[in-house]
C-alpha atoms as a PDB file:
ATOM      1  CA  MET A   1     101.377  63.298 174.056  1.00  0.00           C
ATOM      2  CA  SER A   2      99.617  65.354 176.718  1.00  0.00           C
ATOM      3  CA  GLN A   3      97.686  67.224 174.019  1.00  0.00           C
ATOM      4  CA  LEU A   4      96.443  64.123 172.209  1.00  0.00           C
ATOM      5  CA  PRO A   5      93.292  63.662 174.320  1.00  0.00           C
ATOM      6  CA  THR A   6      92.075  67.090 173.138  1.00  0.00           C
ATOM      7  CA  LEU A   7      91.648  65.540 169.678  1.00  0.00           C
ATOM      8  CA  PHE A   8      88.649  63.674 171.052  1.00  0.00           C
ATOM      9  CA  ASP A   9      86.762  66.665 172.437  1.00  0.00           C
ATOM     10  CA  GLY A  10      83.540  67.613 170.701  1.00  0.00           C
ATOM     11  CA  ARG A  11      80.625  65.703 169.223  1.00  0.00           C
ATOM     12  CA  LEU A  12      81.989  65.750 165.647  1.00  0.00           C
ATOM     13  CA  ALA A  13      85.281  64.219 166.746  1.00  0.00           C
ATOM     14  CA  PHE A  14      83.382  61.643 168.764  1.00  0.00           C
ATOM     15  CA  LEU A  15      81.305  60.617 165.756  1.00  0.00           C
ATOM     16  CA  LEU A  16      84.367  60.534 163.509  1.00  0.00           C
ATOM     17  CA  ARG A  17      86.135  58.212 165.925  1.00  0.00           C
ATOM     18  CA  TRP A  18      83.221  55.783 165.893  1.00  0.00           C
ATOM     19  CA  VAL A  19      82.929  55.900 162.107  1.00  0.00           C
ATOM     20  CA  ILE A  20      86.602  54.963 161.858  1.00  0.00           C
ATOM     21  CA  ALA A  21      86.137  52.218 164.448  1.00  0.00           C
ATOM     22  CA  LEU A  22      83.137  50.718 162.649  1.00  0.00           C
ATOM     23  CA  LEU A  23      84.948  50.842 159.299  1.00  0.00           C
ATOM     24  CA  GLY A  24      87.863  49.055 160.925  1.00  0.00           C
ATOM     25  CA  LEU A  25      85.505  46.421 162.297  1.00  0.00           C
ATOM     26  CA  LEU A  26      83.979  45.993 158.832  1.00  0.00           C
ATOM     27  CA  VAL A  27      87.437  45.430 157.338  1.00  0.00           C
ATOM     28  CA  GLY A  28      88.086  42.767 159.972  1.00  0.00           C
ATOM     29  CA  VAL A  29      84.774  41.029 159.211  1.00  0.00           C
ATOM     30  CA  VAL A  30      85.351  41.052 155.436  1.00  0.00           C
ATOM     31  CA  ALA A  31      88.875  39.659 155.790  1.00  0.00           C
ATOM     32  CA  PHE A  32      87.912  37.077 158.420  1.00  0.00           C
ATOM     33  CA  ARG A  33      87.838  34.323 155.775  1.00  0.00           C
ATOM     34  CA  SER A  34      91.603  34.565 155.290  1.00  0.00           C
ATOM     35  CA  ALA A  35      94.357  33.571 157.689  1.00  0.00           C
ATOM     36  CA  ILE A  36      95.359  37.167 158.375  1.00  0.00           C
ATOM     37  CA  GLY A  37      91.680  37.981 158.897  1.00  0.00           C
ATOM     38  CA  VAL A  38      91.830  36.482 162.386  1.00  0.00           C
ATOM     39  CA  VAL A  39      94.519  38.989 163.333  1.00  0.00           C
ATOM     40  CA  LEU A  40      92.633  41.857 161.695  1.00  0.00           C
ATOM     41  CA  MET A  41      89.461  40.915 163.507  1.00  0.00           C
ATOM     42  CA  ALA A  42      91.315  40.872 166.827  1.00  0.00           C
ATOM     43  CA  ILE A  43      92.704  44.348 166.123  1.00  0.00           C
ATOM     44  CA  ALA A  44      89.223  45.592 165.204  1.00  0.00           C
ATOM     45  CA  ILE A  45      87.677  44.244 168.398  1.00  0.00           C
ATOM     46  CA  ALA A  46      90.494  45.695 170.490  1.00  0.00           C
ATOM     47  CA  GLY A  47      89.934  49.054 168.817  1.00  0.00           C
ATOM     48  CA  ILE A  48      86.207  48.983 169.585  1.00  0.00           C
ATOM     49  CA  VAL A  49      86.825  48.016 173.223  1.00  0.00           C
ATOM     50  CA  CYS A  50      89.404  50.753 173.692  1.00  0.00           C
ATOM     51  CA  LEU A  51      87.087  53.297 172.091  1.00  0.00           C
ATOM     52  CA  LYS A  52      84.247  52.183 174.359  1.00  0.00           C
ATOM     53  CA  LEU A  53      86.496  52.827 177.342  1.00  0.00           C
ATOM     54  CA  GLY A  54      87.372  56.245 175.961  1.00  0.00           C
ATOM     55  CA  ASP A  55      84.875  57.971 178.244  1.00  0.00           C
ATOM     56  CA  LYS A  56      87.019  56.880 181.204  1.00  0.00           C
ATOM     57  CA  SER A  57      90.395  57.498 179.584  1.00  0.00           C
ATOM     58  CA  LYS A  58      90.825  59.586 176.474  1.00  0.00           C
ATOM     59  CA  ARG A  59      94.286  58.096 175.995  1.00  0.00           C
ATOM     60  CA  VAL A  60      92.696  54.671 175.750  1.00  0.00           C
ATOM     61  CA  GLY A  61      90.151  56.094 173.302  1.00  0.00           C
ATOM     62  CA  TRP A  62      92.992  57.446 171.181  1.00  0.00           C
ATOM     63  CA  ILE A  63      94.542  53.968 171.085  1.00  0.00           C
ATOM     64  CA  GLY A  64      91.215  52.517 169.911  1.00  0.00           C
ATOM     65  CA  THR A  65      90.924  55.044 167.120  1.00  0.00           C
ATOM     66  CA  ALA A  66      94.547  54.400 166.085  1.00  0.00           C
ATOM     67  CA  LEU A  67      93.956  50.637 165.893  1.00  0.00           C
ATOM     68  CA  SER A  68      90.782  51.082 163.837  1.00  0.00           C
ATOM     69  CA  GLY A  69      92.473  53.655 161.642  1.00  0.00           C
ATOM     70  CA  LEU A  70      95.273  51.168 160.991  1.00  0.00           C
ATOM     71  CA  LEU A  71      92.767  48.715 159.521  1.00  0.00           C
ATOM     72  CA  VAL A  72      91.150  51.399 157.372  1.00  0.00           C
ATOM     73  CA  ALA A  73      94.572  52.428 156.068  1.00  0.00           C
ATOM     74  CA  LEU A  74      95.345  48.772 155.329  1.00  0.00           C
ATOM     75  CA  PHE A  75      92.087  48.465 153.402  1.00  0.00           C
ATOM     76  CA  ILE A  76      92.907  51.548 151.316  1.00  0.00           C
ATOM     77  CA  TRP A  77      96.396  50.175 150.592  1.00  0.00           C
ATOM     78  CA  ILE A  78      95.193  46.713 149.567  1.00  0.00           C
ATOM     79  CA  SER A  79      92.181  47.875 147.544  1.00  0.00           C
ATOM     80  CA  PHE A  80      93.501  50.976 145.787  1.00  0.00           C
ATOM     81  CA  LEU A  81      97.251  51.514 146.136  1.00  0.00           C
ATOM     82  CA  TYR A  82      98.728  47.994 146.046  1.00  0.00           C
ATOM     83  CA  PRO A  83      97.066  47.100 142.676  1.00  0.00           C
ATOM     84  CA  VAL A  84      98.919  50.069 141.140  1.00  0.00           C
ATOM     85  CA  PHE A  85     102.334  49.704 142.774  1.00  0.00           C
ATOM     86  CA  GLY A  86     102.239  45.891 142.894  1.00  0.00           C
ATOM     87  CA  SER A  87     101.486  45.495 139.199  1.00  0.00           C
ATOM     88  CA  ARG A  88     104.165  48.013 138.201  1.00  0.00           C
ATOM     89  CA  GLN A  89     106.773  46.217 140.276  1.00  0.00           C
ATOM     90  CA  ALA A  90     105.731  42.816 138.888  1.00  0.00           C
ATOM     91  CA  ARG A  91     105.975  44.148 135.325  1.00  0.00           C
ATOM     92  CA  ALA A  92     109.450  45.597 135.880  1.00  0.00           C
ATOM     93  CA  GLU A  93     110.711  42.386 137.503  1.00  0.00           C
ATOM     94  CA  ALA A  94     109.291  40.217 134.702  1.00  0.00           C
ATOM     95  CA  ILE A  95     110.957  42.321 131.996  1.00  0.00           C
ATOM     96  CA  SER A  96     114.266  42.248 133.857  1.00  0.00           C
ATOM     97  CA  LYS A  97     114.225  38.453 134.279  1.00  0.00           C
ATOM     98  CA  LEU A  98     113.220  37.793 130.672  1.00  0.00           C
ATOM     99  CA  LYS A  99     115.959  40.107 129.413  1.00  0.00           C
ATOM    100  CA  ALA A 100     118.564  38.355 131.530  1.00  0.00           C
ATOM    101  CA  ALA A 101     117.529  34.821 130.470  1.00  0.00           C
ATOM    102  CA  LYS A 102     119.904  33.406 127.842  1.00  0.00           C
ATOM    103  CA  SER A 103     118.857  29.753 127.595  1.00  0.00           C
ATOM    104  CA  GLU A 104     115.639  27.767 127.537  1.00  0.00           C
ATOM    105  CA  THR A 105     116.256  26.643 131.114  1.00  0.00           C
ATOM    106  CA  GLU A 106     116.690  30.247 132.256  1.00  0.00           C
ATOM    107  CA  LEU A 107     113.594  31.305 130.322  1.00  0.00           C
ATOM    108  CA  ARG A 108     111.500  28.592 131.955  1.00  0.00           C
ATOM    109  CA  ASP A 109     112.815  29.613 135.361  1.00  0.00           C
ATOM    110  CA  SER A 110     112.085  33.285 134.723  1.00  0.00           C
ATOM    111  CA  ILE A 111     108.374  32.860 133.911  1.00  0.00           C
ATOM    112  CA  GLY A 112     107.378  31.504 137.321  1.00  0.00           C
ATOM    113  CA  ARG A 113     104.964  28.727 138.200  1.00  0.00           C
ATOM    114  CA  LEU A 114     102.003  30.499 136.566  1.00  0.00           C
ATOM    115  CA  GLY A 115     103.796  31.301 133.312  1.00  0.00           C
ATOM    116  CA  LEU A 116     103.898  29.582 129.930  1.00  0.00           C
ATOM    117  CA  PHE A 117     106.709  28.584 127.584  1.00  0.00           C
ATOM    118  CA  LEU A 118     105.743  27.734 124.004  1.00  0.00           C
ATOM    119  CA  GLU A 119     108.282  26.234 121.631  1.00  0.00           C
ATOM    120  CA  SER A 120     107.528  25.430 118.001  1.00  0.00           C
ATOM    121  CA  THR A 121     109.119  22.758 115.862  1.00  0.00           C
ATOM    122  CA  ASN A 122     109.713  25.576 113.368  1.00  0.00           C
ATOM    123  CA  GLY A 123     112.231  27.154 115.707  1.00  0.00           C
ATOM    124  CA  TRP A 124     110.336  30.042 117.302  1.00  0.00           C
ATOM    125  CA  TRP A 125     109.415  30.326 120.973  1.00  0.00           C
ATOM    126  CA  ILE A 126     107.441  32.591 123.301  1.00  0.00           C
ATOM    127  CA  ALA A 127     108.042  32.851 127.052  1.00  0.00           C
ATOM    128  CA  ILE A 128     105.228  34.387 129.125  1.00  0.00           C
ATOM    129  CA  SER A 129     105.772  35.464 132.724  1.00  0.00           C
ATOM    130  CA  TYR A 130     102.638  35.936 134.803  1.00  0.00           C
ATOM    131  CA  ARG A 131     101.806  37.223 138.274  1.00  0.00           C
ATOM    132  CA  ASP A 132      98.559  38.298 139.890  1.00  0.00           C
ATOM    133  CA  SER A 133      97.033  39.108 143.244  1.00  0.00           C
ATOM    134  CA  HIS A 134      93.614  38.377 144.715  1.00  0.00           C
ATOM    135  CA  ALA A 135      94.207  40.371 147.900  1.00  0.00           C
ATOM    136  CA  GLY A 136      91.561  43.080 147.918  1.00  0.00           C
ATOM    137  CA  GLY A 137      92.039  44.864 144.599  1.00  0.00           C
ATOM    138  CA  ILE A 138      92.742  42.199 141.981  1.00  0.00           C
ATOM    139  CA  TRP A 139      95.572  42.889 139.549  1.00  0.00           C
ATOM    140  CA  SER A 140      97.252  40.823 136.850  1.00  0.00           C
ATOM    141  CA  VAL A 141     100.453  41.301 134.847  1.00  0.00           C
ATOM    142  CA  ALA A 142     101.679  39.097 132.013  1.00  0.00           C
ATOM    143  CA  VAL A 143     104.897  39.900 130.153  1.00  0.00           C
ATOM    144  CA  ALA A 144     105.924  37.910 127.069  1.00  0.00           C
ATOM    145  CA  LYS A 145     109.161  37.719 125.118  1.00  0.00           C
ATOM    146  CA  ASP A 146     109.483  35.971 121.764  1.00  0.00           C
ATOM    147  CA  SER A 147     112.471  34.468 119.979  1.00  0.00           C
ATOM    148  CA  GLY A 148     112.752  37.586 117.830  1.00  0.00           C
ATOM    149  CA  GLY A 149     113.351  39.784 120.890  1.00  0.00           C
ATOM    150  CA  HIS A 150     109.930  41.451 120.955  1.00  0.00           C
ATOM    151  CA  PHE A 151     108.215  42.097 124.293  1.00  0.00           C
ATOM    152  CA  TYR A 152     104.489  42.155 125.014  1.00  0.00           C
ATOM    153  CA  GLN A 153     102.268  42.795 128.023  1.00  0.00           C
ATOM    154  CA  SER A 154      98.752  41.999 129.142  1.00  0.00           C
ATOM    155  CA  HIS A 155      96.586  42.793 132.157  1.00  0.00           C
ATOM    156  CA  HIS A 156      94.118  40.035 131.362  1.00  0.00           C
ATOM    157  CA  HIS A 157      93.404  37.946 134.468  1.00  0.00           C
ATOM    158  CA  PHE A 158      94.726  34.576 133.314  1.00  0.00           C
ATOM    159  CA  CYS A 159      94.876  33.216 136.875  1.00  0.00           C
ATOM    160  CA  GLY A 160      96.069  29.611 136.374  1.00  0.00           C
ATOM    161  CA  THR A 161      95.082  29.407 132.700  1.00  0.00           C
ATOM    162  CA  LEU A 162      98.577  29.832 131.228  1.00  0.00           C
ATOM    163  CA  SER A 163     100.205  27.071 133.263  1.00  0.00           C
ATOM    164  CA  ALA A 164      97.179  24.784 132.833  1.00  0.00           C
ATOM    165  CA  PHE A 165      97.279  25.217 129.065  1.00  0.00           C
ATOM    166  CA  GLY A 166     101.034  24.583 129.072  1.00  0.00           C
ATOM    167  CA  ARG A 167     100.616  21.222 130.793  1.00  0.00           C
ATOM    168  CA  ASP A 168      97.713  20.161 128.564  1.00  0.00           C
ATOM    169  CA  TRP A 169      99.481  21.291 125.380  1.00  0.00           C
ATOM    170  CA  GLU A 170     102.694  19.431 126.219  1.00  0.00           C
ATOM    171  CA  ASN A 171     100.763  16.221 126.931  1.00  0.00           C
ATOM    172  CA  TYR A 172      98.693  16.625 123.777  1.00  0.00           C
ATOM    173  CA  SER A 173     101.758  17.352 121.630  1.00  0.00           C
ATOM    174  CA  ALA A 174     103.654  14.392 123.099  1.00  0.00           C
ATOM    175  CA  GLY A 175     100.650  12.143 122.408  1.00  0.00           C
ATOM    176  CA  ARG A 176     100.440  13.262 118.781  1.00  0.00           C
ATOM    177  CA  LYS A 177     104.166  12.718 118.305  1.00  0.00           C
ATOM    178  CA  ASP A 178     103.948   9.241 119.752  1.00  0.00           C
ATOM    179  CA  ALA A 179     100.891   8.385 117.642  1.00  0.00           C
ATOM    180  CA  ASN A 180     102.506   9.596 114.412  1.00  0.00           C
ATOM    181  CA  GLN A 181     105.495   7.357 115.061  1.00  0.00           C
ATOM    182  CA  GLN A 182     103.320   4.237 114.865  1.00  0.00           C
ATOM    183  CA  THR A 183     104.150   2.248 111.740  1.00  0.00           C
ATOM    184  CA  ASP A 184     100.747   0.573 111.626  1.00  0.00           C
ATOM    185  CA  SER A 185      98.404   3.057 109.942  1.00  0.00           C
ATOM    186  CA  ALA A 186      95.317   1.624 111.647  1.00  0.00           C
ATOM    187  CA  VAL A 187      96.891   1.956 115.091  1.00  0.00           C
ATOM    188  CA  ARG A 188      98.141   5.428 114.226  1.00  0.00           C
ATOM    189  CA  GLU A 189      94.709   6.655 113.144  1.00  0.00           C
ATOM    190  CA  GLN A 190      93.016   5.104 116.165  1.00  0.00           C
ATOM    191  CA  ARG A 191      95.391   6.794 118.596  1.00  0.00           C
ATOM    192  CA  LEU A 192      95.082  10.154 116.875  1.00  0.00           C
ATOM    193  CA  THR A 193      91.289   9.885 116.965  1.00  0.00           C
ATOM    194  CA  GLU A 194      91.263   8.957 120.658  1.00  0.00           C
ATOM    195  CA  LEU A 195      93.686  11.751 121.429  1.00  0.00           C
ATOM    196  CA  GLU A 196      91.498  14.277 119.651  1.00  0.00           C
ATOM    197  CA  VAL A 197      88.336  13.079 121.409  1.00  0.00           C
ATOM    198  CA  PHE A 198      89.752  12.986 124.933  1.00  0.00           C
ATOM    199  CA  GLN A 199      92.281  15.850 124.841  1.00  0.00           C
ATOM    200  CA  GLY A 200      92.115  17.877 121.640  1.00  0.00           C
ATOM    201  CA  ARG A 201      88.487  18.932 121.911  1.00  0.00           C
ATOM    202  CA  LEU A 202      88.902  19.855 125.570  1.00  0.00           C
ATOM    203  CA  ILE A 203      91.906  22.077 124.830  1.00  0.00           C
ATOM    204  CA  LYS A 204      90.049  23.787 121.987  1.00  0.00           C
ATOM    205  CA  SER A 205      87.073  24.550 124.197  1.00  0.00           C
ATOM    206  CA  ARG A 206      89.068  25.720 127.230  1.00  0.00           C
ATOM    207  CA  PHE A 207      91.969  27.624 125.636  1.00  0.00           C
ATOM    208  CA  PRO A 208      91.023  28.668 122.079  1.00  0.00           C
ATOM    209  CA  GLU A 209      93.131  31.873 122.052  1.00  0.00           C
ATOM    210  CA  LEU A 210      96.264  30.256 123.471  1.00  0.00           C
ATOM    211  CA  LEU A 211      95.839  27.245 121.212  1.00  0.00           C
ATOM    212  CA  ARG A 212      95.950  29.475 118.139  1.00  0.00           C
ATOM    213  CA  VAL A 213      99.251  30.905 119.368  1.00  0.00           C
ATOM    214  CA  ALA A 214     100.707  27.435 119.977  1.00  0.00           C
ATOM    215  CA  GLU A 215      99.591  26.159 116.572  1.00  0.00           C
ATOM    216  CA  ALA A 216     101.038  29.114 114.636  1.00  0.00           C
ATOM    217  CA  THR A 217     103.207  27.951 111.742  1.00  0.00           C
ATOM    218  CA  ASN A 218     105.714  30.820 112.039  1.00  0.00           C
ATOM    219  CA  LEU A 219     106.713  33.616 114.402  1.00  0.00           C
ATOM    220  CA  ALA A 220     104.809  36.289 112.464  1.00  0.00           C
ATOM    221  CA  ASP A 221     101.582  34.323 112.831  1.00  0.00           C
ATOM    222  CA  ALA A 222     102.339  33.618 116.493  1.00  0.00           C
ATOM    223  CA  ARG A 223     102.737  37.346 117.129  1.00  0.00           C
ATOM    224  CA  LEU A 224      99.428  38.013 115.400  1.00  0.00           C
ATOM    225  CA  GLN A 225      97.631  35.394 117.487  1.00  0.00           C
ATOM    226  CA  LEU A 226      99.304  36.662 120.665  1.00  0.00           C
ATOM    227  CA  GLY A 227      97.760  40.053 119.984  1.00  0.00           C
ATOM    228  CA  LYS A 228      94.344  38.381 119.774  1.00  0.00           C
ATOM    229  CA  ALA A 229      95.017  36.748 123.145  1.00  0.00           C
ATOM    230  CA  TRP A 230      94.944  40.113 125.007  1.00  0.00           C
ATOM    231  CA  PHE A 231      98.636  41.015 124.546  1.00  0.00           C
ATOM    232  CA  SER A 232     100.010  44.299 123.214  1.00  0.00           C
ATOM    233  CA  ARG A 233     103.539  45.120 122.059  1.00  0.00           C
ATOM    234  CA  ILE A 234     105.968  46.884 124.401  1.00  0.00           C
ATOM    235  CA  GLU A 235     108.052  49.093 122.141  1.00  0.00           C
ATOM    236  CA  GLN A 236     110.957  49.858 124.484  1.00  0.00           C
ATOM    237  CA  PRO A 237     110.917  47.606 127.557  1.00  0.00           C
END
């Protein structure tokens, strides 16, 4: 510890310390909009103050550089390393949960709150697990499993699209089922028309790719449409 102050001798080291400190301050400013940004900003300011006092105590200056360097390291982790390791971990966890699921209830639980479960009246189904991150470097991982045991993956940034489509599709499908059960043909046609105007057209405009998957008449067609919705087959998950 007694040799640490010698790290700060020399003009080049002095400039390097201030570059690190200013980068740390910049990280704090950029992240200030988030809840953790308040803490990061406090660390950045403390680092600048300690570095400013470095001319009186090189140990204090070392502390300032360490605090600022911590923020720079955090920025590198969030922006460049976490998108790689985070997405790989999310993919592995999604595959594991989908493999372990044996019932519809377990499948729905395994896909998470941002996922999508599609079930056809023809007997086929597709469960899509989805996770993403907006912290610094944005990453997205979607893993799908179909009733035939095939797995698929996508890095398309669906955000909340999958779950939003799932809710709209279930309401739309339930409305069509209810309308078709009307014995009065005039009432039936009126309800179907209203349903199409107020829900059907909106779904078609917002989720055209997912809608084609949901409306597939068989599993082979559903797989084809899933490929057009940014998914690719995982051969050996």
